[in-house]
Protein backbone atom coordinates (compact mmCIF):
# COMPACT_ATOMS: atom_id res chain seq x y z
CA MET A 1 0.02 0.12 0.04
CA ALA A 2 1.46 3.43 -0.82
CA TYR A 3 0.96 5.53 2.69
CA THR A 4 -0.52 9.22 1.35
CA ALA A 5 -0.32 12.70 3.56
CA ALA A 6 -4.05 12.24 4.28
CA MET A 7 -3.97 9.23 5.24
CA ARG A 8 -3.52 8.76 9.50
CA ALA A 9 -1.44 6.58 12.30
CA VAL A 10 -3.31 4.56 14.32
CA PHE A 11 -1.32 2.16 17.13
CA VAL A 12 -3.03 -1.56 17.54
CA MET A 13 -2.22 -2.20 20.68
CA VAL A 14 -2.38 -6.58 21.30
CA LYS A 15 -1.95 -8.69 24.20
CA THR A 16 -1.52 -12.46 22.26
CA ASP A 17 -2.40 -16.45 24.26
CA PRO A 18 1.10 -17.25 25.44
CA GLY A 19 3.70 -18.83 23.07
CA HIS A 20 1.83 -17.54 19.75
CA MET A 21 3.46 -13.73 19.12
CA THR A 22 5.27 -14.26 16.74
CA ALA A 23 2.83 -15.99 14.86
CA VAL A 24 0.17 -12.97 15.08
CA ALA A 25 2.27 -10.31 14.45
CA ASN A 26 3.54 -12.63 11.18
CA ARG A 27 -0.36 -12.71 10.40
CA ILE A 28 -1.30 -8.39 11.12
CA ALA A 29 1.39 -7.80 9.01
CA GLU A 30 -0.62 -9.26 5.89
CA VAL A 31 -3.65 -6.94 7.11
CA GLU A 32 -3.68 -4.40 3.53
CA SER A 33 -3.22 -0.70 6.29
CA PHE A 34 -0.09 -2.44 8.20
CA SER A 35 3.44 -0.35 8.25
CA GLU A 36 5.54 -1.68 11.09
CA CYS A 37 4.91 -4.19 14.04
CA TYR A 38 7.07 -4.50 17.94
CA SER A 39 7.08 -6.64 20.56
CA ILE A 40 7.38 -5.00 23.26
CA THR A 41 6.80 -4.67 27.42
CA GLY A 42 4.28 -4.60 29.52
CA GLN A 43 -0.33 -5.24 29.28
CA TYR A 44 0.02 -5.77 25.98
CA ASP A 45 2.69 -8.03 24.03
CA LEU A 46 2.34 -6.36 20.39
CA LEU A 47 2.87 -2.64 19.06
CA VAL A 48 0.87 -2.67 15.38
CA LYS A 49 1.31 0.40 13.12
CA LEU A 50 -1.86 1.29 10.50
CA TYR A 51 -2.49 3.92 8.03
CA VAL A 52 -5.37 3.93 7.51
CA ASP A 53 -7.27 7.20 5.09
CA ASN A 54 -10.26 7.08 6.62
CA VAL A 55 -11.05 6.59 10.43
CA ASP A 56 -14.69 5.63 9.91
CA THR A 57 -13.99 2.78 9.11
CA LEU A 58 -11.14 1.45 11.34
CA GLY A 59 -13.77 -0.57 14.30
CA ARG A 60 -14.30 -2.78 11.20
CA LEU A 61 -11.08 -3.14 10.42
CA ILE A 62 -9.64 -3.80 13.76
CA GLU A 63 -13.18 -6.31 13.56
CA THR A 64 -12.09 -8.21 10.90
CA GLN A 65 -9.05 -8.10 10.54
CA ILE A 66 -7.27 -8.30 13.62
CA GLN A 67 -9.06 -8.90 16.34
CA SER A 68 -9.93 -12.02 14.72
CA ILE A 69 -6.66 -13.27 13.78
CA PRO A 70 -6.65 -16.67 16.53
CA HIS A 71 -4.29 -15.67 19.75
CA ILE A 72 -5.11 -12.56 19.74
CA ARG A 73 -7.15 -11.69 23.77
CA ASP A 74 -7.19 -8.19 24.09
CA THR A 75 -6.51 -4.77 21.86
CA PHE A 76 -6.08 -1.37 22.13
CA THR A 77 -6.64 1.10 19.63
CA ILE A 78 -4.63 4.96 19.80
CA LEU A 79 -6.53 6.60 16.45
CA THR A 80 -3.71 10.27 16.08
CA PHE A 81 -3.61 13.39 15.28
CA GLU A 82 -0.84 15.28 14.21
CA ALA A 83 3.08 14.47 13.99
CA PHE A 84 5.81 15.66 15.18
CA GLY A 85 9.76 16.11 13.57
CA THR A 86 8.34 13.34 11.06
CA ARG A 87 11.83 12.80 8.53
């Protein structure tokens, strides 16, 4: 997917079933809006960066393309507004 200036970055924190983090990350990488994915510490296991051009459809994207992946236990979505210091 080619990203445009009009697209909004969205971060999704993902909690996985124990022992399934890598498999879940690989499945998330197949999502069309996917940009990056990092393993993290704390309450969640993965930090996923997506780019969307329409936040009105974000709920459906999270439900059908992220939460439907086996071994995902929980998600927490963070919308972004203005980017600072971008390169």
